N, C-alpha and C. Protein backbone atom coordinates (compact mmCIF):
# COMPACT_ATOMS: atom_id res chain seq x y z
N MET A 1 -23.42 -5.11 2.09
CA MET A 1 -22.16 -5.80 2.34
C MET A 1 -22.02 -6.09 3.83
N LYS A 2 -21.78 -7.34 4.18
CA LYS A 2 -21.69 -7.75 5.57
C LYS A 2 -20.49 -7.12 6.25
N LYS A 3 -20.71 -6.60 7.45
CA LYS A 3 -19.64 -5.95 8.19
C LYS A 3 -18.61 -6.97 8.65
N ILE A 4 -17.33 -6.62 8.50
CA ILE A 4 -16.24 -7.49 8.93
C ILE A 4 -15.90 -7.17 10.38
N THR A 5 -15.91 -8.18 11.23
CA THR A 5 -15.70 -7.96 12.66
C THR A 5 -14.45 -8.65 13.20
N ARG A 6 -13.76 -9.42 12.35
CA ARG A 6 -12.54 -10.11 12.78
C ARG A 6 -11.47 -9.97 11.71
N LYS A 7 -10.22 -9.84 12.18
CA LYS A 7 -9.10 -9.69 11.25
C LYS A 7 -8.99 -10.89 10.32
N LYS A 8 -9.26 -12.08 10.84
CA LYS A 8 -9.16 -13.29 10.02
C LYS A 8 -10.17 -13.25 8.87
N HIS A 9 -11.34 -12.69 9.13
CA HIS A 9 -12.34 -12.59 8.06
C HIS A 9 -11.87 -11.62 6.97
N LEU A 10 -11.21 -10.54 7.38
CA LEU A 10 -10.66 -9.61 6.40
C LEU A 10 -9.59 -10.30 5.56
N GLU A 11 -8.71 -11.04 6.21
CA GLU A 11 -7.67 -11.76 5.48
C GLU A 11 -8.27 -12.72 4.46
N MET A 12 -9.32 -13.41 4.85
CA MET A 12 -9.96 -14.37 3.94
C MET A 12 -10.55 -13.68 2.73
N ARG A 13 -11.12 -12.49 2.92
CA ARG A 13 -11.66 -11.75 1.78
C ARG A 13 -10.53 -11.30 0.85
N LEU A 14 -9.42 -10.90 1.43
CA LEU A 14 -8.31 -10.38 0.63
C LEU A 14 -7.56 -11.49 -0.12
N GLN A 15 -7.71 -12.72 0.32
CA GLN A 15 -7.04 -13.84 -0.35
C GLN A 15 -7.53 -14.04 -1.79
N SER A 16 -8.69 -13.49 -2.09
CA SER A 16 -9.23 -13.64 -3.45
C SER A 16 -8.63 -12.63 -4.43
N ILE A 17 -7.82 -11.69 -3.94
CA ILE A 17 -7.20 -10.70 -4.82
C ILE A 17 -5.96 -11.31 -5.46
N PRO A 18 -5.92 -11.42 -6.79
CA PRO A 18 -4.78 -12.07 -7.46
C PRO A 18 -3.50 -11.26 -7.39
N SER A 19 -2.41 -11.91 -7.72
CA SER A 19 -1.13 -11.22 -7.86
C SER A 19 -1.14 -10.37 -9.13
N HIS A 20 -0.10 -9.55 -9.29
CA HIS A 20 0.02 -8.77 -10.51
C HIS A 20 -0.06 -9.69 -11.72
N PRO A 21 -0.89 -9.36 -12.70
CA PRO A 21 -1.05 -10.25 -13.86
C PRO A 21 0.20 -10.32 -14.73
N LYS A 22 0.89 -9.20 -14.87
CA LYS A 22 2.10 -9.15 -15.68
C LYS A 22 3.13 -8.29 -14.94
N PRO A 23 3.76 -8.85 -13.90
CA PRO A 23 4.68 -8.04 -13.09
C PRO A 23 5.82 -7.48 -13.92
N LYS A 24 6.11 -6.22 -13.70
CA LYS A 24 7.13 -5.50 -14.48
C LYS A 24 8.31 -5.18 -13.58
N VAL A 25 9.46 -5.66 -13.99
CA VAL A 25 10.64 -5.55 -13.14
C VAL A 25 11.02 -4.10 -12.88
N ASN A 26 10.81 -3.21 -13.87
CA ASN A 26 11.19 -1.81 -13.68
C ASN A 26 10.32 -1.11 -12.65
N LEU A 27 9.13 -1.68 -12.37
CA LEU A 27 8.25 -1.11 -11.36
C LEU A 27 8.40 -1.82 -10.01
N GLU A 28 9.28 -2.82 -9.97
CA GLU A 28 9.52 -3.61 -8.76
C GLU A 28 8.18 -4.06 -8.15
N GLN A 29 7.40 -4.74 -8.96
CA GLN A 29 6.05 -5.14 -8.56
C GLN A 29 6.06 -6.48 -7.82
N TYR A 30 5.73 -6.41 -6.55
CA TYR A 30 5.55 -7.59 -5.72
C TYR A 30 4.22 -7.44 -4.97
N THR A 31 3.43 -8.47 -5.00
CA THR A 31 2.11 -8.41 -4.38
C THR A 31 2.22 -8.51 -2.86
N THR A 32 1.53 -7.62 -2.16
CA THR A 32 1.50 -7.67 -0.70
C THR A 32 0.64 -8.85 -0.26
N PRO A 33 1.17 -9.76 0.53
CA PRO A 33 0.39 -10.91 0.99
C PRO A 33 -0.84 -10.48 1.80
N SER A 34 -1.90 -11.24 1.70
CA SER A 34 -3.13 -10.89 2.41
C SER A 34 -2.93 -10.85 3.91
N ILE A 35 -2.05 -11.69 4.45
CA ILE A 35 -1.84 -11.71 5.89
C ILE A 35 -1.20 -10.41 6.37
N ILE A 36 -0.32 -9.83 5.56
CA ILE A 36 0.30 -8.55 5.92
C ILE A 36 -0.68 -7.40 5.73
N ALA A 37 -1.37 -7.39 4.59
CA ALA A 37 -2.33 -6.31 4.31
C ALA A 37 -3.44 -6.29 5.35
N SER A 38 -3.96 -7.45 5.71
CA SER A 38 -5.06 -7.49 6.68
C SER A 38 -4.59 -7.05 8.05
N ASP A 39 -3.38 -7.42 8.44
CA ASP A 39 -2.85 -7.00 9.74
C ASP A 39 -2.69 -5.49 9.80
N LEU A 40 -2.12 -4.91 8.74
CA LEU A 40 -1.88 -3.47 8.74
C LEU A 40 -3.19 -2.69 8.71
N VAL A 41 -4.12 -3.09 7.86
CA VAL A 41 -5.40 -2.38 7.76
C VAL A 41 -6.21 -2.56 9.03
N TRP A 42 -6.14 -3.73 9.64
CA TRP A 42 -6.85 -3.94 10.91
C TRP A 42 -6.30 -3.02 12.00
N ASN A 43 -4.98 -2.88 12.05
CA ASN A 43 -4.38 -1.95 13.00
C ASN A 43 -4.79 -0.51 12.71
N ALA A 44 -4.80 -0.16 11.43
CA ALA A 44 -5.21 1.19 11.05
C ALA A 44 -6.66 1.46 11.44
N PHE A 45 -7.51 0.46 11.23
CA PHE A 45 -8.92 0.58 11.63
C PHE A 45 -9.03 0.78 13.14
N SER A 46 -8.25 0.01 13.90
CA SER A 46 -8.28 0.11 15.36
C SER A 46 -7.81 1.48 15.84
N LEU A 47 -6.94 2.12 15.06
CA LEU A 47 -6.42 3.45 15.42
C LEU A 47 -7.31 4.58 14.91
N GLY A 48 -8.44 4.22 14.29
CA GLY A 48 -9.39 5.23 13.82
C GLY A 48 -9.05 5.86 12.49
N ASP A 49 -8.23 5.16 11.69
CA ASP A 49 -7.75 5.73 10.43
C ASP A 49 -8.50 5.25 9.19
N ILE A 50 -9.55 4.44 9.36
CA ILE A 50 -10.24 3.85 8.22
C ILE A 50 -11.72 4.23 8.16
N ASN A 51 -12.46 3.92 9.17
CA ASN A 51 -13.92 4.05 9.13
C ASN A 51 -14.34 5.50 8.88
N GLY A 52 -15.11 5.69 7.79
CA GLY A 52 -15.61 7.01 7.44
C GLY A 52 -14.57 7.96 6.88
N LYS A 53 -13.39 7.45 6.53
CA LYS A 53 -12.29 8.29 6.05
C LYS A 53 -12.11 8.19 4.54
N ASN A 54 -11.45 9.20 3.98
CA ASN A 54 -11.02 9.18 2.58
C ASN A 54 -9.63 8.54 2.53
N ILE A 55 -9.55 7.38 1.90
CA ILE A 55 -8.31 6.60 1.89
C ILE A 55 -7.70 6.61 0.50
N PHE A 56 -6.37 6.78 0.45
CA PHE A 56 -5.66 6.70 -0.82
C PHE A 56 -4.59 5.62 -0.74
N ASP A 57 -4.51 4.81 -1.79
CA ASP A 57 -3.53 3.74 -1.91
C ASP A 57 -2.63 4.11 -3.08
N LEU A 58 -1.45 4.63 -2.77
CA LEU A 58 -0.53 5.10 -3.82
C LEU A 58 0.34 3.94 -4.30
N GLY A 59 0.41 3.77 -5.63
CA GLY A 59 1.09 2.61 -6.18
C GLY A 59 0.35 1.35 -5.78
N CYS A 60 -0.96 1.36 -6.04
CA CYS A 60 -1.88 0.38 -5.45
C CYS A 60 -1.74 -1.03 -5.99
N GLY A 61 -1.06 -1.21 -7.14
CA GLY A 61 -1.00 -2.55 -7.72
C GLY A 61 -2.40 -3.06 -8.01
N THR A 62 -2.70 -4.25 -7.55
CA THR A 62 -4.03 -4.82 -7.79
C THR A 62 -5.03 -4.40 -6.73
N GLY A 63 -4.66 -3.43 -5.90
CA GLY A 63 -5.65 -2.72 -5.08
C GLY A 63 -5.93 -3.26 -3.69
N ILE A 64 -5.00 -4.03 -3.12
CA ILE A 64 -5.32 -4.72 -1.88
C ILE A 64 -5.60 -3.77 -0.71
N PHE A 65 -4.85 -2.66 -0.60
CA PHE A 65 -5.09 -1.75 0.52
C PHE A 65 -6.33 -0.90 0.32
N ALA A 66 -6.60 -0.51 -0.92
CA ALA A 66 -7.82 0.24 -1.20
C ALA A 66 -9.05 -0.62 -0.95
N ILE A 67 -9.01 -1.86 -1.43
CA ILE A 67 -10.15 -2.76 -1.26
C ILE A 67 -10.34 -3.11 0.22
N ALA A 68 -9.25 -3.39 0.92
CA ALA A 68 -9.34 -3.69 2.35
C ALA A 68 -9.94 -2.52 3.12
N SER A 69 -9.52 -1.32 2.79
CA SER A 69 -10.06 -0.13 3.46
C SER A 69 -11.54 0.05 3.18
N ALA A 70 -11.93 -0.20 1.93
CA ALA A 70 -13.34 -0.11 1.58
C ALA A 70 -14.17 -1.13 2.35
N LEU A 71 -13.63 -2.34 2.48
CA LEU A 71 -14.33 -3.39 3.22
C LEU A 71 -14.47 -3.05 4.70
N MET A 72 -13.54 -2.23 5.22
CA MET A 72 -13.55 -1.88 6.63
C MET A 72 -14.24 -0.55 6.92
N GLY A 73 -14.98 -0.04 5.93
CA GLY A 73 -15.83 1.11 6.20
C GLY A 73 -15.33 2.46 5.79
N ALA A 74 -14.34 2.50 4.89
CA ALA A 74 -13.88 3.80 4.38
C ALA A 74 -15.02 4.53 3.68
N LYS A 75 -15.01 5.85 3.78
CA LYS A 75 -15.99 6.64 3.03
C LYS A 75 -15.76 6.44 1.55
N ILE A 76 -14.52 6.58 1.11
CA ILE A 76 -14.10 6.28 -0.25
C ILE A 76 -12.65 5.83 -0.20
N ALA A 77 -12.31 4.84 -0.98
CA ALA A 77 -10.93 4.37 -1.08
C ALA A 77 -10.52 4.50 -2.54
N VAL A 78 -9.40 5.18 -2.78
CA VAL A 78 -8.94 5.45 -4.14
C VAL A 78 -7.56 4.83 -4.33
N GLY A 79 -7.41 4.00 -5.35
CA GLY A 79 -6.12 3.42 -5.68
C GLY A 79 -5.55 4.06 -6.92
N ILE A 80 -4.27 4.41 -6.88
CA ILE A 80 -3.60 5.03 -8.03
C ILE A 80 -2.38 4.20 -8.38
N ASP A 81 -2.24 3.87 -9.66
CA ASP A 81 -1.07 3.12 -10.11
C ASP A 81 -0.81 3.46 -11.57
N VAL A 82 0.46 3.46 -11.95
CA VAL A 82 0.85 3.78 -13.31
C VAL A 82 0.59 2.62 -14.26
N ASP A 83 0.43 1.41 -13.72
CA ASP A 83 0.34 0.20 -14.53
C ASP A 83 -1.10 -0.12 -14.90
N GLU A 84 -1.40 -0.10 -16.19
CA GLU A 84 -2.76 -0.33 -16.67
C GLU A 84 -3.25 -1.74 -16.36
N ASP A 85 -2.38 -2.74 -16.48
CA ASP A 85 -2.80 -4.11 -16.19
C ASP A 85 -3.27 -4.27 -14.75
N SER A 86 -2.54 -3.65 -13.84
CA SER A 86 -2.91 -3.74 -12.42
C SER A 86 -4.24 -3.04 -12.16
N ILE A 87 -4.42 -1.87 -12.73
CA ILE A 87 -5.66 -1.11 -12.53
C ILE A 87 -6.86 -1.87 -13.08
N ASP A 88 -6.70 -2.47 -14.26
CA ASP A 88 -7.79 -3.25 -14.85
C ASP A 88 -8.20 -4.40 -13.93
N LEU A 89 -7.21 -5.09 -13.38
CA LEU A 89 -7.51 -6.21 -12.49
C LEU A 89 -8.13 -5.73 -11.18
N ALA A 90 -7.63 -4.62 -10.65
CA ALA A 90 -8.19 -4.07 -9.41
C ALA A 90 -9.66 -3.73 -9.58
N ASN A 91 -9.99 -3.13 -10.71
CA ASN A 91 -11.40 -2.82 -10.99
C ASN A 91 -12.24 -4.08 -11.06
N GLU A 92 -11.71 -5.10 -11.72
CA GLU A 92 -12.44 -6.36 -11.85
C GLU A 92 -12.67 -7.01 -10.49
N VAL A 93 -11.63 -7.00 -9.64
CA VAL A 93 -11.74 -7.61 -8.32
C VAL A 93 -12.77 -6.88 -7.46
N SER A 94 -12.75 -5.55 -7.50
CA SER A 94 -13.70 -4.77 -6.68
C SER A 94 -15.14 -5.05 -7.08
N ILE A 95 -15.36 -5.28 -8.37
CA ILE A 95 -16.70 -5.62 -8.84
C ILE A 95 -17.09 -7.02 -8.33
N ASN A 96 -16.15 -7.96 -8.43
CA ASN A 96 -16.44 -9.32 -7.99
C ASN A 96 -16.71 -9.40 -6.49
N LEU A 97 -16.05 -8.53 -5.72
CA LEU A 97 -16.24 -8.51 -4.27
C LEU A 97 -17.40 -7.62 -3.86
N ASN A 98 -18.06 -7.01 -4.86
CA ASN A 98 -19.21 -6.14 -4.61
C ASN A 98 -18.85 -4.97 -3.70
N VAL A 99 -17.69 -4.37 -3.97
CA VAL A 99 -17.22 -3.21 -3.21
C VAL A 99 -17.48 -1.97 -4.06
N ASP A 100 -18.37 -1.11 -3.59
CA ASP A 100 -18.75 0.04 -4.42
C ASP A 100 -18.18 1.37 -3.91
N ASN A 101 -17.49 1.38 -2.78
CA ASN A 101 -16.92 2.63 -2.26
C ASN A 101 -15.42 2.69 -2.54
N VAL A 102 -15.04 2.18 -3.73
CA VAL A 102 -13.64 2.19 -4.13
C VAL A 102 -13.55 2.55 -5.60
N LYS A 103 -12.48 3.23 -5.99
CA LYS A 103 -12.24 3.54 -7.40
C LYS A 103 -10.75 3.48 -7.66
N PHE A 104 -10.40 3.18 -8.93
CA PHE A 104 -9.00 3.04 -9.30
C PHE A 104 -8.68 3.95 -10.48
N ILE A 105 -7.52 4.58 -10.41
CA ILE A 105 -7.11 5.57 -11.40
C ILE A 105 -5.72 5.21 -11.91
N GLN A 106 -5.57 5.16 -13.24
CA GLN A 106 -4.26 4.93 -13.81
C GLN A 106 -3.53 6.27 -13.93
N SER A 107 -2.44 6.40 -13.20
CA SER A 107 -1.67 7.65 -13.22
C SER A 107 -0.34 7.42 -12.51
N ASP A 108 0.67 8.12 -12.96
CA ASP A 108 1.90 8.22 -12.18
C ASP A 108 1.56 9.01 -10.93
N ILE A 109 1.96 8.51 -9.78
CA ILE A 109 1.55 9.20 -8.53
C ILE A 109 2.11 10.62 -8.47
N CYS A 110 3.24 10.86 -9.12
CA CYS A 110 3.82 12.20 -9.11
C CYS A 110 2.97 13.21 -9.88
N ASP A 111 2.19 12.71 -10.86
CA ASP A 111 1.37 13.58 -11.69
C ASP A 111 -0.06 13.71 -11.17
N PHE A 112 -0.40 12.90 -10.16
CA PHE A 112 -1.79 12.85 -9.71
C PHE A 112 -2.12 14.04 -8.82
N ASN A 113 -3.26 14.65 -9.11
CA ASN A 113 -3.76 15.75 -8.28
C ASN A 113 -5.11 15.36 -7.70
N CYS A 114 -5.26 15.60 -6.41
CA CYS A 114 -6.48 15.20 -5.72
C CYS A 114 -7.37 16.42 -5.49
N GLY A 115 -8.68 16.22 -5.70
CA GLY A 115 -9.61 17.33 -5.55
C GLY A 115 -10.34 17.38 -4.23
N PHE A 116 -9.99 16.49 -3.29
CA PHE A 116 -10.66 16.53 -2.00
C PHE A 116 -9.70 16.10 -0.89
N ASP A 117 -10.15 16.25 0.35
CA ASP A 117 -9.29 15.97 1.50
C ASP A 117 -8.88 14.50 1.54
N VAL A 118 -7.63 14.26 1.88
CA VAL A 118 -7.10 12.91 2.02
C VAL A 118 -6.84 12.68 3.51
N ASN A 119 -7.52 11.69 4.06
CA ASN A 119 -7.32 11.39 5.48
C ASN A 119 -6.16 10.43 5.72
N THR A 120 -6.17 9.30 5.01
CA THR A 120 -5.16 8.26 5.26
C THR A 120 -4.58 7.78 3.94
N VAL A 121 -3.26 7.66 3.90
CA VAL A 121 -2.56 7.13 2.73
C VAL A 121 -1.86 5.83 3.09
N PHE A 122 -2.08 4.80 2.27
CA PHE A 122 -1.30 3.57 2.32
C PHE A 122 -0.40 3.55 1.10
N GLN A 123 0.82 3.06 1.27
CA GLN A 123 1.69 2.94 0.10
C GLN A 123 2.73 1.85 0.33
N ASN A 124 2.83 0.99 -0.67
CA ASN A 124 3.87 -0.03 -0.69
C ASN A 124 4.68 0.21 -1.97
N PRO A 125 5.54 1.23 -1.93
CA PRO A 125 6.27 1.62 -3.14
C PRO A 125 7.44 0.69 -3.41
N PRO A 126 8.10 0.84 -4.57
CA PRO A 126 9.37 0.13 -4.76
C PRO A 126 10.33 0.54 -3.65
N PHE A 127 10.68 -0.41 -2.78
CA PHE A 127 11.48 -0.02 -1.61
C PHE A 127 12.91 -0.51 -1.67
N GLY A 128 13.35 -0.95 -2.86
CA GLY A 128 14.77 -1.22 -3.05
C GLY A 128 15.22 -2.61 -2.65
N SER A 129 14.33 -3.62 -2.80
CA SER A 129 14.72 -4.98 -2.46
C SER A 129 15.62 -5.59 -3.53
N GLN A 130 15.61 -5.02 -4.73
CA GLN A 130 16.47 -5.52 -5.80
C GLN A 130 17.83 -4.83 -5.74
N ARG A 131 18.86 -5.59 -6.05
CA ARG A 131 20.21 -5.02 -5.98
C ARG A 131 20.40 -3.85 -6.94
N LYS A 132 19.77 -3.95 -8.10
CA LYS A 132 19.96 -2.90 -9.12
C LYS A 132 18.81 -1.89 -9.13
N ALA A 133 17.97 -1.93 -8.09
CA ALA A 133 16.83 -1.02 -8.05
C ALA A 133 17.29 0.42 -7.86
N ASP A 134 16.52 1.33 -8.43
CA ASP A 134 16.80 2.74 -8.22
C ASP A 134 16.54 3.09 -6.76
N SER A 135 17.51 3.67 -6.11
CA SER A 135 17.33 4.04 -4.71
C SER A 135 16.47 5.30 -4.62
N GLY A 136 15.76 5.42 -3.51
CA GLY A 136 14.99 6.62 -3.25
C GLY A 136 13.60 6.65 -3.85
N GLN A 137 13.18 5.56 -4.51
CA GLN A 137 11.83 5.56 -5.08
C GLN A 137 10.77 5.68 -3.99
N ASP A 138 11.02 5.05 -2.85
CA ASP A 138 10.03 5.12 -1.77
C ASP A 138 9.89 6.54 -1.24
N LEU A 139 10.95 7.33 -1.31
CA LEU A 139 10.89 8.71 -0.82
C LEU A 139 10.01 9.58 -1.71
N LYS A 140 9.94 9.26 -3.00
CA LYS A 140 9.03 9.99 -3.89
C LYS A 140 7.59 9.81 -3.42
N PHE A 141 7.27 8.63 -2.95
CA PHE A 141 5.93 8.37 -2.44
C PHE A 141 5.69 9.12 -1.14
N VAL A 142 6.68 9.14 -0.27
CA VAL A 142 6.54 9.90 0.98
C VAL A 142 6.30 11.37 0.68
N ASN A 143 7.06 11.90 -0.26
CA ASN A 143 6.91 13.32 -0.60
C ASN A 143 5.54 13.61 -1.21
N LYS A 144 5.00 12.64 -1.97
CA LYS A 144 3.66 12.82 -2.54
C LYS A 144 2.61 12.83 -1.44
N ALA A 145 2.76 11.96 -0.45
CA ALA A 145 1.81 11.95 0.67
C ALA A 145 1.84 13.28 1.41
N ILE A 146 3.03 13.85 1.56
CA ILE A 146 3.14 15.17 2.20
C ILE A 146 2.44 16.22 1.35
N GLU A 147 2.64 16.15 0.03
CA GLU A 147 1.99 17.09 -0.88
C GLU A 147 0.47 17.00 -0.79
N LEU A 148 -0.05 15.78 -0.61
CA LEU A 148 -1.50 15.58 -0.51
C LEU A 148 -2.06 16.05 0.83
N GLU A 149 -1.15 16.37 1.76
CA GLU A 149 -1.54 16.86 3.09
C GLU A 149 -2.47 15.88 3.80
N CYS A 150 -2.11 14.60 3.71
CA CYS A 150 -2.92 13.58 4.38
C CYS A 150 -2.75 13.72 5.90
N ASP A 151 -3.72 13.20 6.63
CA ASP A 151 -3.63 13.23 8.08
C ASP A 151 -2.69 12.16 8.60
N VAL A 152 -2.76 10.97 7.97
CA VAL A 152 -1.98 9.82 8.44
C VAL A 152 -1.37 9.10 7.25
N LEU A 153 -0.14 8.64 7.40
CA LEU A 153 0.56 7.91 6.35
C LEU A 153 1.03 6.56 6.87
N TYR A 154 0.77 5.51 6.08
CA TYR A 154 1.34 4.19 6.34
C TYR A 154 2.22 3.85 5.14
N SER A 155 3.53 3.72 5.36
CA SER A 155 4.46 3.55 4.23
C SER A 155 5.45 2.42 4.48
N PHE A 156 5.58 1.53 3.47
CA PHE A 156 6.52 0.41 3.54
C PHE A 156 7.93 0.87 3.16
N HIS A 157 8.92 0.32 3.87
CA HIS A 157 10.32 0.59 3.56
C HIS A 157 11.16 -0.62 3.96
N MET A 158 12.36 -0.70 3.42
CA MET A 158 13.31 -1.71 3.87
C MET A 158 13.70 -1.43 5.31
N ALA A 159 13.72 -2.48 6.13
CA ALA A 159 14.05 -2.30 7.54
C ALA A 159 15.47 -1.76 7.73
N SER A 160 16.35 -2.08 6.80
CA SER A 160 17.74 -1.64 6.91
C SER A 160 17.90 -0.13 6.81
N THR A 161 16.86 0.57 6.33
CA THR A 161 16.94 2.03 6.17
C THR A 161 16.23 2.76 7.31
N GLU A 162 15.90 2.05 8.38
CA GLU A 162 15.07 2.62 9.45
C GLU A 162 15.67 3.90 10.04
N GLU A 163 16.94 3.87 10.38
CA GLU A 163 17.55 5.05 11.02
C GLU A 163 17.50 6.26 10.10
N PHE A 164 17.85 6.06 8.83
CA PHE A 164 17.77 7.16 7.85
C PHE A 164 16.35 7.70 7.74
N LEU A 165 15.36 6.78 7.69
CA LEU A 165 13.97 7.19 7.50
C LEU A 165 13.44 7.96 8.70
N ILE A 166 13.82 7.56 9.90
CA ILE A 166 13.38 8.29 11.09
C ILE A 166 13.83 9.75 10.99
N ASN A 167 15.06 9.96 10.56
CA ASN A 167 15.57 11.33 10.41
C ASN A 167 14.88 12.05 9.25
N TYR A 168 14.66 11.33 8.14
CA TYR A 168 14.03 11.94 6.97
C TYR A 168 12.61 12.36 7.29
N TYR A 169 11.88 11.50 7.96
CA TYR A 169 10.51 11.85 8.32
C TYR A 169 10.49 13.07 9.23
N ALA A 170 11.36 13.10 10.23
CA ALA A 170 11.41 14.22 11.17
C ALA A 170 11.76 15.52 10.45
N ASP A 171 12.72 15.44 9.52
CA ASP A 171 13.14 16.63 8.78
C ASP A 171 12.03 17.18 7.89
N ASN A 172 11.07 16.33 7.52
CA ASN A 172 9.99 16.74 6.63
C ASN A 172 8.65 16.91 7.35
N GLY A 173 8.72 17.06 8.66
CA GLY A 173 7.52 17.40 9.43
C GLY A 173 6.58 16.25 9.70
N LEU A 174 7.08 15.00 9.59
CA LEU A 174 6.25 13.83 9.85
C LEU A 174 6.58 13.27 11.23
N ASP A 175 5.55 13.01 12.00
CA ASP A 175 5.72 12.48 13.35
C ASP A 175 5.41 10.98 13.34
N ILE A 176 6.43 10.14 13.49
CA ILE A 176 6.24 8.70 13.49
C ILE A 176 5.63 8.27 14.82
N THR A 177 4.48 7.61 14.74
CA THR A 177 3.78 7.16 15.96
C THR A 177 3.89 5.67 16.19
N HIS A 178 4.02 4.89 15.11
CA HIS A 178 4.09 3.44 15.22
C HIS A 178 5.05 2.91 14.14
N ILE A 179 5.71 1.80 14.45
CA ILE A 179 6.52 1.08 13.47
C ILE A 179 6.08 -0.38 13.48
N PHE A 180 5.57 -0.84 12.34
CA PHE A 180 5.14 -2.23 12.18
C PHE A 180 6.23 -2.98 11.41
N ARG A 181 6.53 -4.19 11.85
CA ARG A 181 7.63 -4.96 11.26
C ARG A 181 7.09 -6.24 10.64
N TYR A 182 7.52 -6.51 9.40
CA TYR A 182 7.04 -7.70 8.70
C TYR A 182 8.20 -8.37 7.97
N SER A 183 8.06 -9.67 7.79
CA SER A 183 8.93 -10.43 6.90
C SER A 183 8.17 -10.58 5.59
N PHE A 184 8.65 -9.91 4.56
CA PHE A 184 7.92 -9.79 3.30
C PHE A 184 8.45 -10.82 2.30
N PRO A 185 7.61 -11.75 1.85
CA PRO A 185 8.07 -12.78 0.92
C PRO A 185 8.22 -12.23 -0.51
N ILE A 186 9.36 -12.50 -1.09
CA ILE A 186 9.63 -12.13 -2.49
C ILE A 186 9.66 -13.42 -3.30
N PRO A 187 8.62 -13.70 -4.10
CA PRO A 187 8.59 -14.94 -4.88
C PRO A 187 9.49 -14.86 -6.11
N LYS A 188 9.75 -16.01 -6.70
CA LYS A 188 10.57 -16.07 -7.91
C LYS A 188 9.69 -15.78 -9.11
N ILE A 189 9.63 -14.49 -9.50
CA ILE A 189 8.77 -14.10 -10.62
C ILE A 189 9.54 -13.42 -11.74
N TYR A 190 10.81 -13.06 -11.48
CA TYR A 190 11.61 -12.42 -12.51
C TYR A 190 12.79 -13.32 -12.90
N ASP A 191 13.30 -13.14 -14.11
CA ASP A 191 14.35 -14.01 -14.63
C ASP A 191 15.61 -14.02 -13.77
N PHE A 192 15.92 -12.89 -13.13
CA PHE A 192 17.17 -12.81 -12.38
C PHE A 192 17.06 -13.46 -11.00
N HIS A 193 15.86 -13.84 -10.58
CA HIS A 193 15.70 -14.50 -9.29
C HIS A 193 16.33 -15.89 -9.31
N THR A 194 17.11 -16.20 -8.29
CA THR A 194 17.76 -17.51 -8.19
C THR A 194 17.12 -18.40 -7.14
N ARG A 195 16.33 -17.83 -6.25
CA ARG A 195 15.67 -18.61 -5.20
C ARG A 195 14.17 -18.65 -5.47
N ASP A 196 13.55 -19.77 -5.06
CA ASP A 196 12.11 -19.88 -5.23
C ASP A 196 11.37 -18.85 -4.39
N ASN A 197 11.91 -18.54 -3.23
CA ASN A 197 11.27 -17.58 -2.34
C ASN A 197 12.34 -16.97 -1.45
N GLN A 198 12.21 -15.70 -1.18
CA GLN A 198 13.13 -15.03 -0.27
C GLN A 198 12.35 -14.04 0.57
N ASN A 199 12.63 -14.01 1.85
CA ASN A 199 11.97 -13.06 2.74
C ASN A 199 12.89 -11.88 3.01
N VAL A 200 12.34 -10.69 2.93
CA VAL A 200 13.09 -9.48 3.28
C VAL A 200 12.38 -8.81 4.44
N ASN A 201 13.16 -8.22 5.32
CA ASN A 201 12.61 -7.51 6.47
C ASN A 201 12.21 -6.11 6.07
N VAL A 202 10.94 -5.79 6.29
CA VAL A 202 10.44 -4.46 5.97
C VAL A 202 9.80 -3.84 7.20
N ILE A 203 9.67 -2.54 7.17
CA ILE A 203 8.95 -1.81 8.21
C ILE A 203 7.85 -0.99 7.54
N VAL A 204 6.79 -0.78 8.27
CA VAL A 204 5.76 0.17 7.85
C VAL A 204 5.72 1.27 8.90
N LEU A 205 5.97 2.48 8.47
CA LEU A 205 5.94 3.62 9.37
C LEU A 205 4.58 4.26 9.33
N ARG A 206 3.95 4.40 10.49
CA ARG A 206 2.73 5.19 10.60
C ARG A 206 3.14 6.57 11.09
N ALA A 207 2.81 7.58 10.31
CA ALA A 207 3.21 8.94 10.65
C ALA A 207 2.04 9.89 10.47
N THR A 208 2.05 10.93 11.27
CA THR A 208 1.05 11.99 11.14
C THR A 208 1.73 13.25 10.67
N LEU A 209 0.97 14.06 9.94
CA LEU A 209 1.52 15.31 9.44
C LEU A 209 1.15 16.45 10.38
């Protein structure tokens, strides 16, 4: 597999990863755009969090962060998601991209137990962009990353919750080192959507345990 040396090349590889085949509103499934995924993974690589590391992508969807990490030299990248359709597609995509240092597991992240050291966790959980979404779903993912005793966590959240999250992370022994800010596009994929496209402001917190 040819080594990727530019962020734009990573983005181009990730553009071939499809959206969720059957997005489920109760799981608040929105596909992370390749431009956002490539930027975040490139930054993580530059910070020494990818190459030769054990990477976990919690709530991986179609596997964009696991696959991106594998392409950037992860020792192993593991994606976990409760949705069978997403896992099936992630497996298919990894085969098509000839990525062999990645695996996908269908499981609720709360029930998943890991048998080896976890270096870096990526997670884009349900972060409450829907008015009727269950609040606090993203915190379940944060708590799971703490349980896995990962070295570094990259976690998506609504930007409006930044102050609360800074305190929550500190109270749970997480040291925030970087905050990445993105405008996240929400396409019209569910019946209740009234706009063709809407952007929401999100943050990704990089934290160490």
